[in-house]
């Protein structure tokens, strides 16, 4: 961005129920950008959608992240961290997507942004907690597999493809049952995301 050029800001606002409105969030964030001398170029909204839902169920978030890849703005401003997501894994994934696109993030309620050293350090801690969450899922998966082995339980292959081993299916299913996302379960089991998705739908 050239010197003297106003920073381009995208706003992301979300409310969980149809009875709520994103107007207050938009107003406060717009006032902040005005005080900073920035320019709002786009407002992305998810109305009546829970923060527990992933990107595929939140069209506003999905559109914002796609536009981030095309550098349609320089920074995303959000009212508070829980507007982005309530799942640690989903939140870290969103932060990673923005970081990969070279887009900064500002959380108005917390007064934190990735453009400052303090903000970068605190956001980095989210990655630590996400790794802890992942390690807990791995531990639960291993415990589930041991129980299945002890009781002689086996999980058949619903796809009829020899390449997808029974053990991998068991790992993915156990991970999903213990709260892992489709993406995380696929990575953990060493299978494709589409295969993990089919297992999740069949559960």
C-alpha atoms as a PDB file:
ATOM      1  CA  UNK A   1       0.000   0.000   0.000  1.00  0.00           C
ATOM      2  CA  UNK A   2       1.467   3.369  -1.011  1.00  0.00           C
ATOM      3  CA  UNK A   3       2.370   5.976   1.606  1.00  0.00           C
ATOM      4  CA  UNK A   4      -0.545   8.268   2.385  1.00  0.00           C
ATOM      5  CA  UNK A   5      -3.121   5.797   1.063  1.00  0.00           C
ATOM      6  CA  UNK A   6      -6.005   5.039   3.437  1.00  0.00           C
ATOM      7  CA  UNK A   7      -6.003   1.490   4.746  1.00  0.00           C
ATOM      8  CA  UNK A   8      -8.810  -0.542   3.175  1.00  0.00           C
ATOM      9  CA  UNK A   9     -10.946  -2.196   5.848  1.00  0.00           C
ATOM     10  CA  UNK A  10     -13.455  -5.027   5.541  1.00  0.00           C
ATOM     11  CA  UNK A  11     -15.975  -5.452   8.348  1.00  0.00           C
ATOM     12  CA  UNK A  12     -17.217  -8.878   9.389  1.00  0.00           C
ATOM     13  CA  UNK A  13     -20.354  -8.900  11.551  1.00  0.00           C
ATOM     14  CA  UNK A  14     -22.430 -11.817  12.821  1.00  0.00           C
ATOM     15  CA  UNK A  15     -25.447 -12.451  15.051  1.00  0.00           C
ATOM     16  CA  UNK A  16     -26.713 -15.847  16.191  1.00  0.00           C
ATOM     17  CA  UNK A  17     -30.479 -15.400  15.917  1.00  0.00           C
ATOM     18  CA  UNK A  18     -32.920 -13.792  13.504  1.00  0.00           C
ATOM     19  CA  UNK A  19     -34.169 -11.572  16.331  1.00  0.00           C
ATOM     20  CA  UNK A  20     -30.790  -9.840  16.570  1.00  0.00           C
ATOM     21  CA  UNK A  21     -29.305  -7.242  14.235  1.00  0.00           C
ATOM     22  CA  UNK A  22     -25.793  -6.571  12.987  1.00  0.00           C
ATOM     23  CA  UNK A  23     -26.486  -2.808  12.884  1.00  0.00           C
ATOM     24  CA  UNK A  24     -24.805  -2.014  16.210  1.00  0.00           C
ATOM     25  CA  UNK A  25     -21.654  -3.944  15.315  1.00  0.00           C
ATOM     26  CA  UNK A  26     -21.485  -2.247  11.931  1.00  0.00           C
ATOM     27  CA  UNK A  27     -22.011   1.206  13.473  1.00  0.00           C
ATOM     28  CA  UNK A  28     -19.283   0.788  16.111  1.00  0.00           C
ATOM     29  CA  UNK A  29     -16.757  -0.665  13.688  1.00  0.00           C
ATOM     30  CA  UNK A  30     -17.489   2.042  11.105  1.00  0.00           C
ATOM     31  CA  UNK A  31     -16.956   4.717  13.783  1.00  0.00           C
ATOM     32  CA  UNK A  32     -13.599   3.150  14.640  1.00  0.00           C
ATOM     33  CA  UNK A  33     -12.449   3.137  11.016  1.00  0.00           C
ATOM     34  CA  UNK A  34     -13.501   6.785  10.659  1.00  0.00           C
ATOM     35  CA  UNK A  35     -11.475   7.783  13.738  1.00  0.00           C
ATOM     36  CA  UNK A  36      -8.449   5.993  12.320  1.00  0.00           C
ATOM     37  CA  UNK A  37      -8.876   7.564   8.903  1.00  0.00           C
ATOM     38  CA  UNK A  38      -9.425   4.201   7.234  1.00  0.00           C
ATOM     39  CA  UNK A  39     -11.875   3.329   4.450  1.00  0.00           C
ATOM     40  CA  UNK A  40     -14.541   0.614   4.724  1.00  0.00           C
ATOM     41  CA  UNK A  41     -14.625  -1.159   1.375  1.00  0.00           C
ATOM     42  CA  UNK A  42     -16.969  -4.046   2.218  1.00  0.00           C
ATOM     43  CA  UNK A  43     -19.224  -5.337   4.996  1.00  0.00           C
ATOM     44  CA  UNK A  44     -19.666  -9.100   5.255  1.00  0.00           C
ATOM     45  CA  UNK A  45     -22.646 -10.354   7.267  1.00  0.00           C
ATOM     46  CA  UNK A  46     -23.813 -13.640   8.721  1.00  0.00           C
ATOM     47  CA  UNK A  47     -27.226 -13.116  10.296  1.00  0.00           C
ATOM     48  CA  UNK A  48     -29.003 -15.759  12.359  1.00  0.00           C
ATOM     49  CA  UNK A  49     -25.993 -18.104  12.190  1.00  0.00           C
ATOM     50  CA  UNK A  50     -24.281 -19.624  15.213  1.00  0.00           C
ATOM     51  CA  UNK A  51     -20.561 -19.086  15.693  1.00  0.00           C
ATOM     52  CA  UNK A  52     -20.259 -22.826  16.284  1.00  0.00           C
ATOM     53  CA  UNK A  53     -20.892 -23.458  12.577  1.00  0.00           C
ATOM     54  CA  UNK A  54     -17.948 -23.798  10.221  1.00  0.00           C
ATOM     55  CA  UNK A  55     -17.016 -21.710   7.215  1.00  0.00           C
ATOM     56  CA  UNK A  56     -19.112 -23.859   4.872  1.00  0.00           C
ATOM     57  CA  UNK A  57     -22.265 -22.863   6.798  1.00  0.00           C
ATOM     58  CA  UNK A  58     -21.386 -19.142   7.023  1.00  0.00           C
ATOM     59  CA  UNK A  59     -21.587 -17.482   3.579  1.00  0.00           C
ATOM     60  CA  UNK A  60     -20.442 -14.100   4.879  1.00  0.00           C
ATOM     61  CA  UNK A  61     -17.277 -15.516   6.400  1.00  0.00           C
ATOM     62  CA  UNK A  62     -16.624 -17.637   3.325  1.00  0.00           C
ATOM     63  CA  UNK A  63     -16.976 -14.627   1.002  1.00  0.00           C
ATOM     64  CA  UNK A  64     -14.703 -12.529   3.221  1.00  0.00           C
ATOM     65  CA  UNK A  65     -11.939 -15.150   3.217  1.00  0.00           C
ATOM     66  CA  UNK A  66     -12.201 -15.627  -0.544  1.00  0.00           C
ATOM     67  CA  UNK A  67     -11.893 -11.870  -1.103  1.00  0.00           C
ATOM     68  CA  UNK A  68      -8.952 -11.818   1.310  1.00  0.00           C
ATOM     69  CA  UNK A  69      -7.099 -14.143  -1.042  1.00  0.00           C
ATOM     70  CA  UNK A  70      -7.635 -11.583  -3.800  1.00  0.00           C
ATOM     71  CA  UNK A  71      -6.379  -8.767  -1.543  1.00  0.00           C
ATOM     72  CA  UNK A  72      -9.621  -6.823  -1.820  1.00  0.00           C
ATOM     73  CA  UNK A  73      -8.771  -5.152   1.505  1.00  0.00           C
ATOM     74  CA  UNK A  74      -5.837  -4.741   3.888  1.00  0.00           C
ATOM     75  CA  UNK A  75      -7.427  -5.571   7.221  1.00  0.00           C
ATOM     76  CA  UNK A  76     -10.557  -7.202   8.650  1.00  0.00           C
ATOM     77  CA  UNK A  77     -12.262  -5.597  11.644  1.00  0.00           C
ATOM     78  CA  UNK A  78     -14.524  -7.687  13.863  1.00  0.00           C
ATOM     79  CA  UNK A  79     -16.555  -6.643  16.907  1.00  0.00           C
ATOM     80  CA  UNK A  80     -15.140  -9.419  19.135  1.00  0.00           C
ATOM     81  CA  UNK A  81     -13.320 -12.719  18.841  1.00  0.00           C
ATOM     82  CA  UNK A  82     -16.525 -14.746  19.362  1.00  0.00           C
ATOM     83  CA  UNK A  83     -17.994 -13.198  16.212  1.00  0.00           C
ATOM     84  CA  UNK A  84     -15.370 -15.095  14.196  1.00  0.00           C
ATOM     85  CA  UNK A  85     -16.041 -18.433  15.856  1.00  0.00           C
ATOM     86  CA  UNK A  86     -16.538 -20.349  19.082  1.00  0.00           C
ATOM     87  CA  UNK A  87     -14.407 -23.335  18.117  1.00  0.00           C
ATOM     88  CA  UNK A  88     -10.689 -22.920  18.753  1.00  0.00           C
ATOM     89  CA  UNK A  89      -9.805 -24.964  15.676  1.00  0.00           C
ATOM     90  CA  UNK A  90     -12.117 -22.930  13.416  1.00  0.00           C
ATOM     91  CA  UNK A  91     -10.796 -19.660  14.848  1.00  0.00           C
ATOM     92  CA  UNK A  92      -7.159 -20.613  14.305  1.00  0.00           C
ATOM     93  CA  UNK A  93      -7.978 -21.818  10.782  1.00  0.00           C
ATOM     94  CA  UNK A  94      -9.511 -18.407   9.978  1.00  0.00           C
ATOM     95  CA  UNK A  95      -6.468 -16.623  11.397  1.00  0.00           C
ATOM     96  CA  UNK A  96      -4.177 -18.851   9.344  1.00  0.00           C
ATOM     97  CA  UNK A  97      -6.161 -18.116   6.173  1.00  0.00           C
ATOM     98  CA  UNK A  98      -5.906 -14.350   6.773  1.00  0.00           C
ATOM     99  CA  UNK A  99      -2.213 -14.583   7.593  1.00  0.00           C
ATOM    100  CA  UNK A 100      -1.523 -16.582   4.416  1.00  0.00           C
ATOM    101  CA  UNK A 101      -3.302 -13.883   2.393  1.00  0.00           C
ATOM    102  CA  UNK A 102      -1.310 -11.115   4.107  1.00  0.00           C
ATOM    103  CA  UNK A 103      -4.421  -9.597   5.718  1.00  0.00           C
ATOM    104  CA  UNK A 104      -4.373  -8.112   9.219  1.00  0.00           C
ATOM    105  CA  UNK A 105      -7.145  -8.679  11.772  1.00  0.00           C
ATOM    106  CA  UNK A 106      -8.497  -6.258  14.381  1.00  0.00           C
ATOM    107  CA  UNK A 107     -10.767  -7.292  17.268  1.00  0.00           C
ATOM    108  CA  UNK A 108     -12.579  -4.175  18.475  1.00  0.00           C
ATOM    109  CA  UNK A 109     -13.890  -5.566  21.766  1.00  0.00           C
ATOM    110  CA  UNK A 110     -10.440  -6.737  22.828  1.00  0.00           C
ATOM    111  CA  UNK A 111      -8.598  -3.808  21.246  1.00  0.00           C
ATOM    112  CA  UNK A 112      -6.154  -6.227  19.611  1.00  0.00           C
ATOM    113  CA  UNK A 113      -4.784  -6.441  16.121  1.00  0.00           C
ATOM    114  CA  UNK A 114      -2.256  -8.586  14.298  1.00  0.00           C
ATOM    115  CA  UNK A 115      -0.474  -5.452  13.097  1.00  0.00           C
ATOM    116  CA  UNK A 116       0.997  -4.799  16.585  1.00  0.00           C
ATOM    117  CA  UNK A 117       3.676  -6.838  18.426  1.00  0.00           C
ATOM    118  CA  UNK A 118       1.367  -7.432  21.422  1.00  0.00           C
ATOM    119  CA  UNK A 119      -1.474  -8.539  19.185  1.00  0.00           C
ATOM    120  CA  UNK A 120       0.785 -10.901  17.236  1.00  0.00           C
ATOM    121  CA  UNK A 121       1.980 -12.499  20.470  1.00  0.00           C
ATOM    122  CA  UNK A 122      -1.547 -13.029  21.798  1.00  0.00           C
ATOM    123  CA  UNK A 123      -2.831 -14.390  18.510  1.00  0.00           C
ATOM    124  CA  UNK A 124       0.142 -16.729  18.496  1.00  0.00           C
ATOM    125  CA  UNK A 125      -1.101 -18.146  21.794  1.00  0.00           C
ATOM    126  CA  UNK A 126      -4.282 -19.245  20.036  1.00  0.00           C
ATOM    127  CA  UNK A 127      -2.157 -21.592  17.974  1.00  0.00           C
ATOM    128  CA  UNK A 128      -0.725 -23.086  21.179  1.00  0.00           C
ATOM    129  CA  UNK A 129      -4.200 -23.731  22.561  1.00  0.00           C
ATOM    130  CA  UNK A 130      -5.335 -25.177  19.228  1.00  0.00           C
ATOM    131  CA  UNK A 131      -2.424 -27.610  19.304  1.00  0.00           C
ATOM    132  CA  UNK A 132      -3.398 -28.570  22.858  1.00  0.00           C
ATOM    133  CA  UNK A 133      -6.977 -29.158  21.688  1.00  0.00           C
ATOM    134  CA  UNK A 134      -5.677 -31.333  18.856  1.00  0.00           C
ATOM    135  CA  UNK A 135      -3.482 -33.363  21.231  1.00  0.00           C
ATOM    136  CA  UNK A 136      -6.512 -33.991  23.455  1.00  0.00           C
ATOM    137  CA  UNK A 137      -8.491 -35.252  20.446  1.00  0.00           C
ATOM    138  CA  UNK A 138      -5.581 -37.529  19.506  1.00  0.00           C
ATOM    139  CA  UNK A 139      -5.527 -38.931  23.039  1.00  0.00           C
ATOM    140  CA  UNK A 140      -9.289 -39.610  22.934  1.00  0.00           C
ATOM    141  CA  UNK A 141      -8.938 -41.249  19.506  1.00  0.00           C
ATOM    142  CA  UNK A 142      -6.224 -43.589  20.780  1.00  0.00           C
ATOM    143  CA  UNK A 143      -8.301 -44.471  23.834  1.00  0.00           C
ATOM    144  CA  UNK A 144     -11.319 -45.182  21.612  1.00  0.00           C
ATOM    145  CA  UNK A 145      -9.276 -47.434  19.333  1.00  0.00           C
ATOM    146  CA  UNK A 146      -7.920 -49.352  22.309  1.00  0.00           C
ATOM    147  CA  UNK A 147     -11.457 -49.896  23.610  1.00  0.00           C
ATOM    148  CA  UNK A 148     -12.604 -51.085  20.176  1.00  0.00           C
ATOM    149  CA  UNK A 149      -9.646 -53.458  19.981  1.00  0.00           C
ATOM    150  CA  UNK A 150     -10.304 -54.823  23.467  1.00  0.00           C
ATOM    151  CA  UNK A 151     -13.965 -55.527  22.694  1.00  0.00           C
ATOM    152  CA  UNK A 152     -13.266 -56.907  19.250  1.00  0.00           C
ATOM    153  CA  UNK A 153     -15.249 -54.141  17.524  1.00  0.00           C
ATOM    154  CA  UNK A 154     -14.336 -53.507  13.890  1.00  0.00           C
ATOM    155  CA  UNK A 155     -15.603 -50.887  11.490  1.00  0.00           C
ATOM    156  CA  UNK A 156     -16.290 -51.951   7.919  1.00  0.00           C
ATOM    157  CA  UNK A 157     -15.314 -49.970   4.855  1.00  0.00           C
ATOM    158  CA  UNK A 158     -18.488 -48.290   3.479  1.00  0.00           C
ATOM    159  CA  UNK A 159     -16.748 -47.246   0.268  1.00  0.00           C
ATOM    160  CA  UNK A 160     -15.554 -50.651  -0.918  1.00  0.00           C
ATOM    161  CA  UNK A 161     -12.066 -49.289  -1.614  1.00  0.00           C
ATOM    162  CA  UNK A 162      -9.227 -51.484  -0.310  1.00  0.00           C
ATOM    163  CA  UNK A 163      -6.887 -48.462  -0.217  1.00  0.00           C
ATOM    164  CA  UNK A 164      -8.904 -46.976   2.654  1.00  0.00           C
ATOM    165  CA  UNK A 165      -7.896 -49.261   5.513  1.00  0.00           C
ATOM    166  CA  UNK A 166     -10.206 -50.254   8.336  1.00  0.00           C
ATOM    167  CA  UNK A 167      -7.816 -48.707  10.853  1.00  0.00           C
ATOM    168  CA  UNK A 168      -7.884 -45.345   9.054  1.00  0.00           C
ATOM    169  CA  UNK A 169     -11.684 -45.399   9.021  1.00  0.00           C
ATOM    170  CA  UNK A 170     -11.717 -46.211  12.737  1.00  0.00           C
ATOM    171  CA  UNK A 171      -9.329 -43.337  13.477  1.00  0.00           C
ATOM    172  CA  UNK A 172     -11.396 -40.861  11.448  1.00  0.00           C
ATOM    173  CA  UNK A 173     -14.714 -41.981  12.957  1.00  0.00           C
ATOM    174  CA  UNK A 174     -13.357 -41.858  16.488  1.00  0.00           C
ATOM    175  CA  UNK A 175     -11.890 -38.396  15.879  1.00  0.00           C
ATOM    176  CA  UNK A 176     -15.212 -37.126  14.538  1.00  0.00           C
ATOM    177  CA  UNK A 177     -17.075 -38.611  17.475  1.00  0.00           C
ATOM    178  CA  UNK A 178     -14.733 -36.764  19.831  1.00  0.00           C
ATOM    179  CA  UNK A 179     -15.359 -33.354  18.285  1.00  0.00           C
ATOM    180  CA  UNK A 180     -12.724 -33.103  15.569  1.00  0.00           C
ATOM    181  CA  UNK A 181     -13.614 -31.220  12.400  1.00  0.00           C
ATOM    182  CA  UNK A 182     -13.782 -33.085   9.073  1.00  0.00           C
ATOM    183  CA  UNK A 183     -10.495 -31.503   8.059  1.00  0.00           C
ATOM    184  CA  UNK A 184      -8.785 -32.448  11.335  1.00  0.00           C
ATOM    185  CA  UNK A 185     -10.148 -36.013  11.239  1.00  0.00           C
ATOM    186  CA  UNK A 186      -8.935 -36.458   7.656  1.00  0.00           C
ATOM    187  CA  UNK A 187      -5.456 -35.207   8.549  1.00  0.00           C
ATOM    188  CA  UNK A 188      -5.286 -37.352  11.650  1.00  0.00           C
ATOM    189  CA  UNK A 189      -6.365 -40.528   9.845  1.00  0.00           C
ATOM    190  CA  UNK A 190      -4.387 -39.856   6.682  1.00  0.00           C
ATOM    191  CA  UNK A 191      -7.417 -39.932   4.403  1.00  0.00           C
ATOM    192  CA  UNK A 192      -8.987 -37.424   2.014  1.00  0.00           C
ATOM    193  CA  UNK A 193     -11.250 -34.680   3.300  1.00  0.00           C
ATOM    194  CA  UNK A 194     -14.072 -35.960   1.085  1.00  0.00           C
ATOM    195  CA  UNK A 195     -13.795 -39.439   2.608  1.00  0.00           C
ATOM    196  CA  UNK A 196     -13.874 -37.967   6.111  1.00  0.00           C
ATOM    197  CA  UNK A 197     -16.885 -35.893   5.071  1.00  0.00           C
ATOM    198  CA  UNK A 198     -18.736 -39.030   4.005  1.00  0.00           C
ATOM    199  CA  UNK A 199     -17.963 -40.654   7.324  1.00  0.00           C
ATOM    200  CA  UNK A 200     -19.276 -37.580   9.157  1.00  0.00           C
ATOM    201  CA  UNK A 201     -22.537 -37.633   7.174  1.00  0.00           C
ATOM    202  CA  UNK A 202     -22.968 -41.352   7.773  1.00  0.00           C
ATOM    203  CA  UNK A 203     -22.506 -40.966  11.538  1.00  0.00           C
END
